Amino acid sequence: MEFHKDIVLETERVRLSPLETAHYDDLLPVVEANPDLLRYSPSLLRTGAHLHAYLQVATEARAQERRYPFIIFDKAAQRYVGSTSYGNVSPADLRLEIGWTWIDKAVQGSGLNRHAKFLLFHYAFNTLGYERVEFKTDARNTQSRRAIAKIGGREEGTLRSHTVMSDGFRRDTVYFSVLRKEWEGLRGTVFADLGVL
């Protein structure tokens, strides 16, 4: 994983490019319109101050080679609509996590997230040559769990009392994964209609 490289991934519907602190003004309308967007995340993202802190943490994590954050541009809506990241990258084990994903509720269910996940899978498996992509989510977040399963994520188990939330609650975290050997099958089924790459 080349953290210093500016990675740009795109289909006809979506473009993922490196998230920067300069994207504050692009993402502030999304945060203000969706104050509960990260309800099940340890991060707070309800105000401009929260967004500023979020961008600082994300860009510092990239500089420290711990996370690669992207900003999501919706080509249909012609605006930025959220963010997603690679993280917990383990080159020795050929695995990484896709997460830290939040998308404007106005475009949820529009197919945009499936395009973004296709790009992230393709880069992880076909460009990086990794063997495993992981996801994790709050056990209470049924929408996220359904979305991960819908794109081929296989539920592996629950880590109890795993993560402390911003309000002090200790959440149970559910892990999912997609393996390289499953990827070609998913390209031909879950993502077949995208007609890309």
Protein backbone atom coordinates (compact mmCIF):
# COMPACT_ATOMS: atom_id res chain seq x y z
CA MET A 1 0.00 0.00 0.00
CA GLU A 2 1.61 3.24 -1.15
CA PHE A 3 0.28 5.79 1.33
CA HIS A 4 2.25 8.63 -0.29
CA LYS A 5 0.64 7.98 -3.68
CA ASP A 6 -2.48 9.92 -4.70
CA ILE A 7 -4.88 7.08 -5.50
CA VAL A 8 -7.87 8.00 -7.67
CA LEU A 9 -10.47 5.31 -8.41
CA GLU A 10 -13.55 5.88 -10.54
CA THR A 11 -16.48 4.47 -12.45
CA GLU A 12 -19.01 6.40 -14.50
CA ARG A 13 -20.95 6.98 -11.24
CA VAL A 14 -18.38 7.71 -8.54
CA ARG A 15 -14.86 9.02 -8.01
CA LEU A 16 -12.76 8.26 -4.95
CA SER A 17 -9.76 10.52 -4.40
CA PRO A 18 -7.55 11.29 -1.38
CA LEU A 19 -9.35 13.06 1.47
CA GLU A 20 -7.65 16.28 2.57
CA THR A 21 -8.30 18.94 5.20
CA ALA A 22 -9.10 21.29 2.29
CA HIS A 23 -12.30 19.29 1.70
CA TYR A 24 -13.92 20.85 4.78
CA ASP A 25 -16.22 23.13 2.75
CA ASP A 26 -17.13 20.27 0.39
CA LEU A 27 -18.27 18.00 3.22
CA LEU A 28 -19.76 20.49 5.70
CA PRO A 29 -23.20 20.49 3.98
CA VAL A 30 -23.32 16.68 4.29
CA VAL A 31 -22.50 16.82 8.00
CA GLU A 32 -24.99 19.61 8.69
CA ALA A 33 -27.78 17.78 6.82
CA ASN A 34 -27.05 14.44 8.53
CA PRO A 35 -26.20 15.04 12.21
CA ASP A 36 -26.75 11.38 13.13
CA LEU A 37 -24.75 9.95 10.22
CA LEU A 38 -22.13 8.38 12.50
CA ARG A 39 -24.56 7.29 15.18
CA TYR A 40 -22.87 3.88 15.46
CA SER A 41 -19.29 5.10 15.09
CA PRO A 42 -16.79 5.98 17.82
CA SER A 43 -16.26 9.31 15.98
CA LEU A 44 -18.57 12.28 16.43
CA LEU A 45 -19.59 14.03 13.21
CA ARG A 46 -22.42 16.44 13.95
CA THR A 47 -20.87 19.90 13.64
CA GLY A 48 -18.26 21.80 11.70
CA ALA A 49 -15.88 21.42 14.64
CA HIS A 50 -16.35 17.64 14.56
CA LEU A 51 -15.68 17.61 10.81
CA HIS A 52 -12.51 19.65 11.25
CA ALA A 53 -11.27 17.19 13.89
CA TYR A 54 -12.29 14.22 11.72
CA LEU A 55 -10.31 15.54 8.74
CA GLN A 56 -7.26 16.17 10.92
CA VAL A 57 -7.33 12.64 12.34
CA ALA A 58 -7.87 11.07 8.91
CA THR A 59 -5.06 12.97 7.19
CA GLU A 60 -2.66 12.39 10.08
CA ALA A 61 -3.46 8.66 9.97
CA ARG A 62 -2.55 8.64 6.28
CA ALA A 63 0.74 10.42 7.00
CA GLN A 64 1.45 7.76 9.65
CA GLU A 65 0.55 5.01 7.14
CA ARG A 66 -2.27 3.68 9.32
CA ARG A 67 -5.25 4.61 7.14
CA TYR A 68 -5.89 5.80 3.59
CA PRO A 69 -8.97 8.06 3.54
CA PHE A 70 -10.90 8.91 0.38
CA ILE A 71 -13.50 11.56 -0.38
CA ILE A 72 -16.50 10.32 -2.38
CA PHE A 73 -17.69 12.36 -5.36
CA ASP A 74 -21.09 11.46 -6.80
CA LYS A 75 -20.91 12.09 -10.54
CA ALA A 76 -24.69 11.90 -10.91
CA ALA A 77 -25.31 14.56 -8.26
CA GLN A 78 -22.09 16.46 -9.15
CA ARG A 79 -21.08 16.92 -5.53
CA TYR A 80 -19.08 15.37 -2.71
CA VAL A 81 -21.24 13.10 -0.58
CA GLY A 82 -19.02 11.47 2.04
CA SER A 83 -15.90 9.50 2.81
CA THR A 84 -14.52 5.98 3.06
CA SER A 85 -11.12 4.52 3.92
CA TYR A 86 -8.71 1.65 3.81
CA GLY A 87 -7.28 0.92 7.23
CA ASN A 88 -5.61 -1.68 9.41
CA VAL A 89 -3.40 -2.48 6.43
CA SER A 90 -1.17 -5.51 6.95
CA PRO A 91 1.10 -6.04 3.92
CA ALA A 92 2.72 -9.09 5.54
CA ASP A 93 -0.69 -10.75 5.85
CA LEU A 94 -2.03 -9.35 2.56
CA ARG A 95 -5.12 -7.95 4.25
CA LEU A 96 -6.78 -4.62 4.90
CA GLU A 97 -10.04 -3.19 6.17
CA ILE A 98 -12.58 -1.07 4.34
CA GLY A 99 -14.40 1.21 6.73
CA TRP A 100 -14.87 4.68 8.17
CA THR A 101 -17.60 5.01 5.54
CA TRP A 102 -20.27 7.69 5.72
CA ILE A 103 -22.48 8.85 2.87
CA ASP A 104 -25.15 11.54 2.64
CA LYS A 105 -28.53 9.94 3.34
CA ALA A 106 -29.89 11.67 0.22
CA VAL A 107 -27.87 9.26 -1.98
CA GLN A 108 -28.02 6.14 0.17
CA GLY A 109 -29.74 3.31 -1.67
CA SER A 110 -28.93 4.89 -5.05
CA GLY A 111 -26.21 2.38 -6.00
CA LEU A 112 -23.38 4.82 -5.32
CA ASN A 113 -21.99 2.82 -2.39
CA ARG A 114 -21.90 -0.36 -4.48
CA HIS A 115 -19.82 1.45 -7.11
CA ALA A 116 -17.46 2.70 -4.40
CA LYS A 117 -17.10 -0.75 -2.84
CA PHE A 118 -16.45 -2.30 -6.25
CA LEU A 119 -13.56 0.11 -6.77
CA LEU A 120 -12.12 -0.57 -3.32
CA PHE A 121 -12.38 -4.34 -3.78
CA HIS A 122 -10.85 -4.17 -7.25
CA TYR A 123 -7.89 -2.11 -6.07
CA ALA A 124 -7.30 -4.32 -3.02
CA PHE A 125 -7.51 -7.64 -4.87
CA ASN A 126 -6.41 -6.83 -8.43
CA THR A 127 -3.89 -4.01 -7.93
CA LEU A 128 -2.47 -4.70 -4.48
CA GLY A 129 -2.88 -8.47 -4.76
CA TYR A 130 -4.29 -8.79 -1.24
CA GLU A 131 -6.02 -11.96 -0.02
CA ARG A 132 -8.54 -10.59 2.47
CA VAL A 133 -10.71 -7.51 2.89
CA GLU A 134 -12.33 -6.96 6.28
CA PHE A 135 -15.28 -4.93 7.50
CA LYS A 136 -16.49 -4.29 11.02
CA THR A 137 -19.58 -2.58 12.36
CA ASP A 138 -21.59 -2.01 15.51
CA ALA A 139 -23.81 -5.03 16.21
CA ARG A 140 -26.77 -2.62 16.57
CA ASN A 141 -26.25 -1.17 13.10
CA THR A 142 -28.59 -3.39 11.12
CA GLN A 143 -28.45 -1.13 8.03
CA SER A 144 -24.67 -1.45 7.83
CA ARG A 145 -24.75 -5.19 8.45
CA ARG A 146 -27.29 -5.69 5.65
CA ALA A 147 -25.26 -3.50 3.29
CA ILE A 148 -22.04 -5.43 3.94
CA ALA A 149 -23.79 -8.77 3.44
CA LYS A 150 -25.40 -7.49 0.22
CA ILE A 151 -21.98 -6.84 -1.35
CA GLY A 152 -20.71 -10.30 -0.42
CA GLY A 153 -19.30 -9.80 3.07
CA ARG A 154 -19.41 -13.01 5.08
CA GLU A 155 -20.19 -12.53 8.77
CA GLU A 156 -17.47 -14.11 10.88
CA GLY A 157 -18.42 -13.33 14.44
CA THR A 158 -18.94 -10.78 17.18
CA LEU A 159 -16.33 -9.31 19.48
CA ARG A 160 -18.15 -8.46 22.69
CA SER A 161 -17.62 -5.16 24.52
CA HIS A 162 -15.10 -4.31 21.82
CA THR A 163 -15.13 -0.54 21.20
CA VAL A 164 -15.87 2.47 23.41
CA MET A 165 -18.28 4.91 21.78
CA SER A 166 -18.24 8.70 22.19
CA ASP A 167 -20.98 8.46 24.85
CA GLY A 168 -19.05 5.83 26.85
CA PHE A 169 -21.16 2.88 25.62
CA ARG A 170 -19.13 -0.28 24.92
CA ARG A 171 -20.34 -1.69 21.64
CA ASP A 172 -20.21 -5.25 20.36
CA THR A 173 -18.41 -5.28 16.99
CA VAL A 174 -19.39 -7.65 14.17
CA TYR A 175 -16.65 -8.70 11.73
CA PHE A 176 -17.16 -9.53 8.06
CA SER A 177 -14.74 -10.44 5.28
CA VAL A 178 -14.40 -11.06 1.56
CA LEU A 179 -11.57 -13.32 0.37
CA ARG A 180 -9.66 -13.08 -2.89
CA LYS A 181 -11.01 -16.46 -3.99
CA GLU A 182 -14.56 -15.10 -3.59
CA TRP A 183 -13.90 -11.88 -5.48
CA GLU A 184 -14.27 -13.15 -9.06
CA GLY A 185 -17.59 -14.70 -8.18
CA LEU A 186 -18.81 -11.42 -6.71
CA ARG A 187 -17.66 -9.52 -9.81
CA GLY A 188 -19.85 -11.80 -11.90
CA THR A 189 -22.90 -11.61 -9.62
CA VAL A 190 -23.19 -8.75 -7.13
CA PHE A 191 -21.30 -6.29 -9.34
CA ALA A 192 -22.06 -7.74 -12.79
CA ASP A 193 -24.40 -4.95 -13.86
CA LEU A 194 -21.84 -2.22 -13.26
CA GLY A 195 -20.07 -3.04 -16.52
CA VAL A 196 -16.74 -1.59 -15.40
CA LEU A 197 -13.13 -2.78 -15.44
